[in-house]
Structures are given as structure tokens and as C-alpha cells.
Amino acid sequence: MGEAAKAAQRSQRRPLRLAMVCPACHKTHSVGLLMTVEPQPLFFGGSSGRTGEALRTLSVACPLSGERAEVTFQLPVSNGERLLEVQVESISAEPGPGQDEARPAPTPGSLAAETSPPAEDWMRDALLEARKGSAARLRTFATTMLSTSTGAVAVHFTVLRYLGLEHIGESWRVLTLLPAMAFLLAAFLFVLTLRPVLAWVGTDAQFSELYRTRLLAIGRIATAGVLLFLGGIATAIAAYAALLW
């Protein structure tokens, strides 16, 4: 007797009925399945007897529209069994009580729609994230600009020496100092942006008001620092042009 015949003798047929969310009409139907399983040999004391799940994708027809679609079923299979075949026996429009639910097989077009949250959900999450991270982003920006402003002072005087600061006239020397002064003032403002504030907060309303006013204040200070930094760059360009002239 061949191996196929022996496997057929050992196999067992087991009826099963599951609830299916139809991908065609999006309603719940009752699907009758016929599972063919084969008991497996037991090793090292045998199987633990626990029941697992096997996924099998089948082509089913909607009982209302007749449209066919691919649906993935979760089939209960014991650890000591091997699933050989699954057949669709019947499909009824109404699900039976106490049935497990099957899910449609994901397709490239439907996967993004199923995993993407609704628009109002991600907009609400984005708003909450913006509220929570606005102060941190402002502090990170101020820290970066503080390093940039202080470093710009050294870069400015290095460029001046390279272009020949000693050859510039007395009337133009003040112009060469303005960029460094603007960079230092900008760095001072960015330090004020990073300065912590000690305040007593007793209620949610007080915390909300402190948070709002603090954000507005450091936002204005950071804006002034950026304007000073840009002004320093503009005057530095003017000074370099005067040296090259």
C-alpha cells in the first residue's frame, strides 16, 4: 500500500462552521467547512494536546451577490495533527450563534485602507503630538542656534583676517564689529529661550496659562534671536565686500 493510501486511511474529516465577514457585501455570513486532518506521530512523550490555529485562504462566493473573493480562515488544529485539505461545503447569508469570525485576505489595495487610521484619528494624534512636542522642538532649535551663533563669531574674525583686516580703513572697522555683536546678542537671546522658569502651579488652568504664556514668550525671544543672527550675516557680507573693494 502506498504512502498516499496510508495517509488517506489515517486522515480524519471534521466539519466546521465559521462566521465570515464578506468582502463583497461587507455583511456576516455563515460558512460550512470540511477539514481533512492527519494525526502525526508522537515523539518524546507525545503532544501536549493544545489546540493551535492554521490559516488557510479559500475562494468563496457571496450568497447575496454571487461575487467571489479570497477569505482567510483561522482553523482550529491540534498540535498533533496536520491539516491536509479544507473544502467549502455551504454558505448561508445569516451567521449562526457562537461562531468564530474569519477575516478577508489582505490585498495590496485594501491593506493600506485597513491599516490606515481614519482621518480624524491621525489629525487628533498629530495635534496632541504638536502640543506635547512644541516646547521640545523650540528648545532643540534654540540649542542649535546658540552653538551656531557663538561659532559664527570665530568664523567671522577668521574670514576678516584672511581678507586682510589690517588694510581696512578706520571708518570701516566699526562695520566689521557689527556682525560679531549681532551674533553675540543672538546667542544671548537663545540662552534666554533655554532658561528654565520657576513657577508655582496649583491647578490645571494655572498650568495651561503658564504653558501658553511661556511658549509665546520664548517664541518671541527666539524670533528676535533669529533676526539678529540674520542681521549679523548681512552686515558680515557687507564687511567682506568692503574689504574686497
C-alpha atoms as a PDB file:
ATOM      1  CA  MET A   1       0.000   0.000   0.000  1.00  0.00           C
ATOM      2  CA  GLY A   2       1.436   3.368  -0.989  1.00  0.00           C
ATOM      3  CA  GLU A   3       2.124   6.300   1.324  1.00  0.00           C
ATOM      4  CA  ALA A   4      -0.769   8.273  -0.156  1.00  0.00           C
ATOM      5  CA  ALA A   5      -3.198   5.445   0.569  1.00  0.00           C
ATOM      6  CA  LYS A   6      -1.912   5.077   4.128  1.00  0.00           C
ATOM      7  CA  ALA A   7      -2.275   8.827   4.699  1.00  0.00           C
ATOM      8  CA  ALA A   8      -5.815   8.676   3.345  1.00  0.00           C
ATOM      9  CA  GLN A   9      -6.668   5.902   5.799  1.00  0.00           C
ATOM     10  CA  ARG A  10      -5.211   7.846   8.720  1.00  0.00           C
ATOM     11  CA  SER A  11      -6.885  11.114   7.772  1.00  0.00           C
ATOM     12  CA  GLN A  12      -9.975  12.371   9.533  1.00  0.00           C
ATOM     13  CA  ARG A  13     -12.754  14.596   8.184  1.00  0.00           C
ATOM     14  CA  ARG A  14     -14.064  17.210  10.556  1.00  0.00           C
ATOM     15  CA  PRO A  15     -16.961  19.604   9.812  1.00  0.00           C
ATOM     16  CA  LEU A  16     -16.632  23.187  10.982  1.00  0.00           C
ATOM     17  CA  ARG A  17     -18.832  26.257  10.751  1.00  0.00           C
ATOM     18  CA  LEU A  18     -17.407  29.790  10.955  1.00  0.00           C
ATOM     19  CA  ALA A  19     -18.725  33.324  10.624  1.00  0.00           C
ATOM     20  CA  MET A  20     -17.247  35.267   7.722  1.00  0.00           C
ATOM     21  CA  VAL A  21     -17.232  38.999   7.035  1.00  0.00           C
ATOM     22  CA  CYS A  22     -17.929  39.032   3.321  1.00  0.00           C
ATOM     23  CA  PRO A  23     -15.516  41.298   1.376  1.00  0.00           C
ATOM     24  CA  ALA A  24     -18.152  41.709  -1.352  1.00  0.00           C
ATOM     25  CA  CYS A  25     -21.186  42.913   0.624  1.00  0.00           C
ATOM     26  CA  HIS A  26     -19.419  43.563   3.982  1.00  0.00           C
ATOM     27  CA  LYS A  27     -22.039  41.504   5.830  1.00  0.00           C
ATOM     28  CA  THR A  28     -21.508  38.498   8.077  1.00  0.00           C
ATOM     29  CA  HIS A  29     -22.273  35.073   6.605  1.00  0.00           C
ATOM     30  CA  SER A  30     -22.069  31.537   7.941  1.00  0.00           C
ATOM     31  CA  VAL A  31     -19.609  29.269   6.133  1.00  0.00           C
ATOM     32  CA  GLY A  32     -19.618  25.475   6.486  1.00  0.00           C
ATOM     33  CA  LEU A  33     -16.176  23.928   6.016  1.00  0.00           C
ATOM     34  CA  LEU A  34     -14.926  20.354   5.870  1.00  0.00           C
ATOM     35  CA  MET A  35     -11.423  19.928   7.259  1.00  0.00           C
ATOM     36  CA  THR A  36      -9.252  16.935   6.476  1.00  0.00           C
ATOM     37  CA  VAL A  37      -6.547  16.381   9.102  1.00  0.00           C
ATOM     38  CA  GLU A  38      -3.936  13.676   9.601  1.00  0.00           C
ATOM     39  CA  PRO A  39      -2.739  12.623  13.076  1.00  0.00           C
ATOM     40  CA  GLN A  40       1.015  12.970  13.462  1.00  0.00           C
ATOM     41  CA  PRO A  41       3.351  10.526  15.247  1.00  0.00           C
ATOM     42  CA  LEU A  42       4.125  11.316  18.871  1.00  0.00           C
ATOM     43  CA  PHE A  43       7.733  11.864  19.896  1.00  0.00           C
ATOM     44  CA  PHE A  44       9.340  12.389  23.308  1.00  0.00           C
ATOM     45  CA  GLY A  45       6.222  11.662  25.294  1.00  0.00           C
ATOM     46  CA  GLY A  46       3.708  12.901  22.709  1.00  0.00           C
ATOM     47  CA  SER A  47       1.909  16.120  22.003  1.00  0.00           C
ATOM     48  CA  SER A  48       0.764  18.474  24.726  1.00  0.00           C
ATOM     49  CA  GLY A  49      -2.781  18.290  23.387  1.00  0.00           C
ATOM     50  CA  ARG A  50      -3.100  22.058  22.981  1.00  0.00           C
ATOM     51  CA  THR A  51      -5.074  23.451  20.073  1.00  0.00           C
ATOM     52  CA  GLY A  52      -3.436  25.928  17.725  1.00  0.00           C
ATOM     53  CA  GLU A  53      -4.565  27.790  14.650  1.00  0.00           C
ATOM     54  CA  ALA A  54      -3.901  27.165  10.986  1.00  0.00           C
ATOM     55  CA  LEU A  55      -4.514  29.842   8.372  1.00  0.00           C
ATOM     56  CA  ARG A  56      -5.973  28.805   5.052  1.00  0.00           C
ATOM     57  CA  THR A  57      -7.147  31.148   2.263  1.00  0.00           C
ATOM     58  CA  LEU A  58     -10.188  29.953   0.300  1.00  0.00           C
ATOM     59  CA  SER A  59     -12.219  31.327  -2.558  1.00  0.00           C
ATOM     60  CA  VAL A  60     -15.845  31.824  -1.504  1.00  0.00           C
ATOM     61  CA  ALA A  61     -18.897  33.254  -3.229  1.00  0.00           C
ATOM     62  CA  CYS A  62     -21.156  35.812  -1.572  1.00  0.00           C
ATOM     63  CA  PRO A  63     -24.624  34.239  -1.078  1.00  0.00           C
ATOM     64  CA  LEU A  64     -26.266  37.598  -1.827  1.00  0.00           C
ATOM     65  CA  SER A  65     -24.381  38.932  -4.851  1.00  0.00           C
ATOM     66  CA  GLY A  66     -22.600  35.802  -6.081  1.00  0.00           C
ATOM     67  CA  GLU A  67     -19.300  37.681  -6.276  1.00  0.00           C
ATOM     68  CA  ARG A  68     -16.242  35.580  -5.391  1.00  0.00           C
ATOM     69  CA  ALA A  69     -13.468  36.750  -3.103  1.00  0.00           C
ATOM     70  CA  GLU A  70     -10.467  35.417  -1.216  1.00  0.00           C
ATOM     71  CA  VAL A  71     -11.023  34.959   2.540  1.00  0.00           C
ATOM     72  CA  THR A  72      -8.507  33.771   5.125  1.00  0.00           C
ATOM     73  CA  PHE A  73      -9.914  31.410   7.775  1.00  0.00           C
ATOM     74  CA  GLN A  74      -8.402  30.610  11.160  1.00  0.00           C
ATOM     75  CA  LEU A  75      -8.888  26.865  11.604  1.00  0.00           C
ATOM     76  CA  PRO A  76      -8.501  25.123  14.969  1.00  0.00           C
ATOM     77  CA  VAL A  77      -5.947  22.324  14.604  1.00  0.00           C
ATOM     78  CA  SER A  78      -4.405  20.264  17.399  1.00  0.00           C
ATOM     79  CA  ASN A  79      -0.639  20.234  17.785  1.00  0.00           C
ATOM     80  CA  GLY A  80      -0.706  16.519  16.998  1.00  0.00           C
ATOM     81  CA  GLU A  81      -2.478  16.969  13.667  1.00  0.00           C
ATOM     82  CA  ARG A  82      -1.562  18.174  10.201  1.00  0.00           C
ATOM     83  CA  LEU A  83      -4.088  19.997   8.059  1.00  0.00           C
ATOM     84  CA  LEU A  84      -4.352  18.345   4.660  1.00  0.00           C
ATOM     85  CA  GLU A  85      -7.338  19.933   2.933  1.00  0.00           C
ATOM     86  CA  VAL A  86     -10.191  22.364   3.521  1.00  0.00           C
ATOM     87  CA  GLN A  87     -13.344  22.430   1.433  1.00  0.00           C
ATOM     88  CA  VAL A  88     -16.209  24.907   1.427  1.00  0.00           C
ATOM     89  CA  GLU A  89     -19.416  22.925   1.960  1.00  0.00           C
ATOM     90  CA  SER A  90     -22.034  25.636   2.297  1.00  0.00           C
ATOM     91  CA  ILE A  91     -22.517  29.393   2.740  1.00  0.00           C
ATOM     92  CA  SER A  92     -25.591  30.957   4.301  1.00  0.00           C
ATOM     93  CA  ALA A  93     -26.428  34.626   4.493  1.00  0.00           C
ATOM     94  CA  GLU A  94     -27.012  34.701   8.266  1.00  0.00           C
ATOM     95  CA  PRO A  95     -24.315  33.673  10.781  1.00  0.00           C
ATOM     96  CA  GLY A  96     -25.025  31.147  13.476  1.00  0.00           C
ATOM     97  CA  PRO A  97     -24.626  31.890  17.190  1.00  0.00           C
ATOM     98  CA  GLY A  98     -21.235  31.488  18.845  1.00  0.00           C
ATOM     99  CA  GLN A  99     -19.222  31.217  15.621  1.00  0.00           C
ATOM    100  CA  ASP A 100     -15.683  32.442  15.201  1.00  0.00           C
ATOM    101  CA  GLU A 101     -15.137  35.190  12.677  1.00  0.00           C
ATOM    102  CA  ALA A 102     -12.991  34.841   9.574  1.00  0.00           C
ATOM    103  CA  ARG A 103     -11.199  37.814   8.033  1.00  0.00           C
ATOM    104  CA  PRO A 104     -10.771  38.635   4.334  1.00  0.00           C
ATOM    105  CA  ALA A 105      -7.322  38.054   2.920  1.00  0.00           C
ATOM    106  CA  PRO A 106      -5.430  41.366   2.619  1.00  0.00           C
ATOM    107  CA  THR A 107      -4.814  42.670  -0.877  1.00  0.00           C
ATOM    108  CA  PRO A 108      -2.371  45.435  -1.902  1.00  0.00           C
ATOM    109  CA  GLY A 109      -5.266  47.816  -2.396  1.00  0.00           C
ATOM    110  CA  SER A 110      -7.134  47.008   0.798  1.00  0.00           C
ATOM    111  CA  LEU A 111      -4.133  46.618   3.106  1.00  0.00           C
ATOM    112  CA  ALA A 112      -3.435  50.340   3.294  1.00  0.00           C
ATOM    113  CA  ALA A 113      -7.115  51.100   3.853  1.00  0.00           C
ATOM    114  CA  GLU A 114      -7.378  48.557   6.669  1.00  0.00           C
ATOM    115  CA  THR A 115      -4.215  49.625   8.471  1.00  0.00           C
ATOM    116  CA  SER A 116      -4.567  53.390   7.960  1.00  0.00           C
ATOM    117  CA  PRO A 117      -6.478  55.134  10.773  1.00  0.00           C
ATOM    118  CA  PRO A 118      -9.386  57.407   9.955  1.00  0.00           C
ATOM    119  CA  ALA A 119      -8.524  60.985   9.073  1.00  0.00           C
ATOM    120  CA  GLU A 120      -9.922  62.398  12.298  1.00  0.00           C
ATOM    121  CA  ASP A 121      -7.818  59.964  14.344  1.00  0.00           C
ATOM    122  CA  TRP A 122      -4.435  60.858  12.873  1.00  0.00           C
ATOM    123  CA  MET A 123      -5.305  64.557  12.846  1.00  0.00           C
ATOM    124  CA  ARG A 124      -6.156  64.382  16.522  1.00  0.00           C
ATOM    125  CA  ASP A 125      -2.958  62.444  17.227  1.00  0.00           C
ATOM    126  CA  ALA A 126      -0.941  64.974  15.231  1.00  0.00           C
ATOM    127  CA  LEU A 127      -2.487  67.819  17.224  1.00  0.00           C
ATOM    128  CA  LEU A 128      -1.669  66.117  20.530  1.00  0.00           C
ATOM    129  CA  GLU A 129       1.885  65.426  19.370  1.00  0.00           C
ATOM    130  CA  ALA A 130       2.303  69.037  18.271  1.00  0.00           C
ATOM    131  CA  ARG A 131       1.091  70.283  21.638  1.00  0.00           C
ATOM    132  CA  LYS A 132       3.380  67.952  23.548  1.00  0.00           C
ATOM    133  CA  GLY A 133       6.458  68.442  21.363  1.00  0.00           C
ATOM    134  CA  SER A 134       6.263  72.171  20.587  1.00  0.00           C
ATOM    135  CA  ALA A 135       8.344  73.183  23.611  1.00  0.00           C
ATOM    136  CA  ALA A 136      10.911  70.445  22.974  1.00  0.00           C
ATOM    137  CA  ARG A 137      11.288  71.457  19.320  1.00  0.00           C
ATOM    138  CA  LEU A 138      11.767  75.085  20.321  1.00  0.00           C
ATOM    139  CA  ARG A 139      14.425  74.147  22.874  1.00  0.00           C
ATOM    140  CA  THR A 140      16.215  71.979  20.305  1.00  0.00           C
ATOM    141  CA  PHE A 141      16.161  74.843  17.810  1.00  0.00           C
ATOM    142  CA  ALA A 142      17.457  77.301  20.420  1.00  0.00           C
ATOM    143  CA  THR A 143      20.282  74.919  21.375  1.00  0.00           C
ATOM    144  CA  THR A 144      21.317  74.574  17.739  1.00  0.00           C
ATOM    145  CA  MET A 145      21.178  78.313  17.123  1.00  0.00           C
ATOM    146  CA  LEU A 146      23.156  79.024  20.303  1.00  0.00           C
ATOM    147  CA  SER A 147      26.007  76.854  19.046  1.00  0.00           C
ATOM    148  CA  THR A 148      25.736  78.367  15.566  1.00  0.00           C
ATOM    149  CA  SER A 149      25.748  81.968  16.836  1.00  0.00           C
ATOM    150  CA  THR A 150      28.771  81.526  19.095  1.00  0.00           C
ATOM    151  CA  GLY A 151      30.619  79.654  16.358  1.00  0.00           C
ATOM    152  CA  ALA A 152      29.803  82.370  13.839  1.00  0.00           C
ATOM    153  CA  VAL A 153      31.853  84.884  15.848  1.00  0.00           C
ATOM    154  CA  ALA A 154      35.054  82.892  15.412  1.00  0.00           C
ATOM    155  CA  VAL A 155      34.297  82.206  11.764  1.00  0.00           C
ATOM    156  CA  HIS A 156      33.685  85.905  11.136  1.00  0.00           C
ATOM    157  CA  PHE A 157      37.052  87.047  12.535  1.00  0.00           C
ATOM    158  CA  THR A 158      38.841  84.214  10.735  1.00  0.00           C
ATOM    159  CA  VAL A 159      37.411  85.408   7.422  1.00  0.00           C
ATOM    160  CA  LEU A 160      38.346  89.007   8.261  1.00  0.00           C
ATOM    161  CA  ARG A 161      41.974  88.071   8.892  1.00  0.00           C
ATOM    162  CA  TYR A 162      42.044  86.094   5.674  1.00  0.00           C
ATOM    163  CA  LEU A 163      40.720  89.059   3.679  1.00  0.00           C
ATOM    164  CA  GLY A 164      43.218  91.481   5.284  1.00  0.00           C
ATOM    165  CA  LEU A 165      41.594  93.294   8.200  1.00  0.00           C
ATOM    166  CA  GLU A 166      44.721  95.391   8.777  1.00  0.00           C
ATOM    167  CA  HIS A 167      44.323  97.057   5.400  1.00  0.00           C
ATOM    168  CA  ILE A 168      40.824  98.335   6.008  1.00  0.00           C
ATOM    169  CA  GLY A 169      40.249 101.995   6.807  1.00  0.00           C
ATOM    170  CA  GLU A 170      39.260 103.289  10.251  1.00  0.00           C
ATOM    171  CA  SER A 171      35.795 104.244   9.076  1.00  0.00           C
ATOM    172  CA  TRP A 172      35.068 100.651   8.033  1.00  0.00           C
ATOM    173  CA  ARG A 173      36.370  98.952  11.183  1.00  0.00           C
ATOM    174  CA  VAL A 174      33.098  99.556  13.007  1.00  0.00           C
ATOM    175  CA  LEU A 175      31.314  97.678  10.266  1.00  0.00           C
ATOM    176  CA  THR A 176      33.495  94.630  10.891  1.00  0.00           C
ATOM    177  CA  LEU A 177      32.481  94.599  14.570  1.00  0.00           C
ATOM    178  CA  LEU A 178      28.731  94.753  13.944  1.00  0.00           C
ATOM    179  CA  PRO A 179      28.372  91.112  12.803  1.00  0.00           C
ATOM    180  CA  ALA A 180      30.153  89.783  15.887  1.00  0.00           C
ATOM    181  CA  MET A 181      27.972  91.954  18.144  1.00  0.00           C
ATOM    182  CA  ALA A 182      24.830  90.698  16.378  1.00  0.00           C
ATOM    183  CA  PHE A 183      25.932  87.067  16.749  1.00  0.00           C
ATOM    184  CA  LEU A 184      26.654  87.537  20.467  1.00  0.00           C
ATOM    185  CA  LEU A 185      23.306  89.249  21.083  1.00  0.00           C
ATOM    186  CA  ALA A 186      21.551  86.449  19.220  1.00  0.00           C
ATOM    187  CA  ALA A 187      23.347  83.875  21.367  1.00  0.00           C
ATOM    188  CA  PHE A 188      22.215  85.781  24.483  1.00  0.00           C
ATOM    189  CA  LEU A 189      18.604  85.637  23.333  1.00  0.00           C
ATOM    190  CA  PHE A 190      18.843  81.907  22.662  1.00  0.00           C
ATOM    191  CA  VAL A 191      20.185  81.442  26.197  1.00  0.00           C
ATOM    192  CA  LEU A 192      17.076  83.250  27.472  1.00  0.00           C
ATOM    193  CA  THR A 193      14.984  80.854  25.413  1.00  0.00           C
ATOM    194  CA  LEU A 194      16.578  77.885  27.175  1.00  0.00           C
ATOM    195  CA  ARG A 195      16.358  79.441  30.646  1.00  0.00           C
ATOM    196  CA  PRO A 196      14.068  77.419  32.937  1.00  0.00           C
ATOM    197  CA  VAL A 197      11.260  79.186  34.772  1.00  0.00           C
ATOM    198  CA  LEU A 198      10.374  78.549  38.403  1.00  0.00           C
ATOM    199  CA  ALA A 199       6.640  78.935  38.993  1.00  0.00           C
ATOM    200  CA  TRP A 200       4.046  77.560  41.387  1.00  0.00           C
ATOM    201  CA  VAL A 201       1.243  75.673  39.638  1.00  0.00           C
ATOM    202  CA  GLY A 202      -1.744  74.517  41.658  1.00  0.00           C
ATOM    203  CA  THR A 203      -4.481  73.788  39.119  1.00  0.00           C
ATOM    204  CA  ASP A 204      -4.816  72.643  35.519  1.00  0.00           C
ATOM    205  CA  ALA A 205      -5.941  76.110  34.484  1.00  0.00           C
ATOM    206  CA  GLN A 206      -2.827  77.674  36.003  1.00  0.00           C
ATOM    207  CA  PHE A 207      -0.607  75.149  34.242  1.00  0.00           C
ATOM    208  CA  SER A 208      -2.366  75.763  30.928  1.00  0.00           C
ATOM    209  CA  GLU A 209      -1.945  79.515  31.273  1.00  0.00           C
ATOM    210  CA  LEU A 210       1.724  79.170  32.277  1.00  0.00           C
ATOM    211  CA  TYR A 211       2.394  76.812  29.374  1.00  0.00           C
ATOM    212  CA  ARG A 212       0.716  79.129  26.886  1.00  0.00           C
ATOM    213  CA  THR A 213       2.419  82.315  28.064  1.00  0.00           C
ATOM    214  CA  ARG A 214       5.806  80.641  28.324  1.00  0.00           C
ATOM    215  CA  LEU A 215       5.589  79.277  24.800  1.00  0.00           C
ATOM    216  CA  LEU A 216       4.587  82.679  23.438  1.00  0.00           C
ATOM    217  CA  ALA A 217       7.419  84.404  25.311  1.00  0.00           C
ATOM    218  CA  ILE A 218      10.193  82.055  24.228  1.00  0.00           C
ATOM    219  CA  GLY A 219       8.784  82.073  20.701  1.00  0.00           C
ATOM    220  CA  ARG A 220       9.136  85.869  20.536  1.00  0.00           C
ATOM    221  CA  ILE A 221      12.631  85.730  22.041  1.00  0.00           C
ATOM    222  CA  ALA A 222      13.727  83.041  19.589  1.00  0.00           C
ATOM    223  CA  THR A 223      12.324  85.079  16.685  1.00  0.00           C
ATOM    224  CA  ALA A 224      14.328  88.104  17.805  1.00  0.00           C
ATOM    225  CA  GLY A 225      17.434  85.942  18.049  1.00  0.00           C
ATOM    226  CA  VAL A 226      16.931  84.669  14.500  1.00  0.00           C
ATOM    227  CA  LEU A 227      16.520  88.232  13.202  1.00  0.00           C
ATOM    228  CA  LEU A 228      19.730  89.310  14.939  1.00  0.00           C
ATOM    229  CA  PHE A 229      21.562  86.316  13.519  1.00  0.00           C
ATOM    230  CA  LEU A 230      20.369  87.128  10.003  1.00  0.00           C
ATOM    231  CA  GLY A 231      21.326  90.764  10.525  1.00  0.00           C
ATOM    232  CA  GLY A 232      24.797  89.657  11.554  1.00  0.00           C
ATOM    233  CA  ILE A 233      25.130  87.621   8.371  1.00  0.00           C
ATOM    234  CA  ALA A 234      24.012  90.620   6.274  1.00  0.00           C
ATOM    235  CA  THR A 235      26.495  93.017   7.913  1.00  0.00           C
ATOM    236  CA  ALA A 236      29.252  90.410   7.632  1.00  0.00           C
ATOM    237  CA  ILE A 237      28.657  90.180   3.886  1.00  0.00           C
ATOM    238  CA  ALA A 238      28.817  93.971   3.686  1.00  0.00           C
ATOM    239  CA  ALA A 239      32.094  93.992   5.610  1.00  0.00           C
ATOM    240  CA  TYR A 240      33.610  91.341   3.349  1.00  0.00           C
ATOM    241  CA  ALA A 241      32.546  93.338   0.309  1.00  0.00           C
ATOM    242  CA  ALA A 242      34.205  96.442   1.747  1.00  0.00           C
ATOM    243  CA  LEU A 243      37.447  94.547   2.260  1.00  0.00           C
ATOM    244  CA  LEU A 244      37.393  93.232  -1.284  1.00  0.00           C
ATOM    245  CA  TRP A 245      36.584  96.624  -2.699  1.00  0.00           C
END
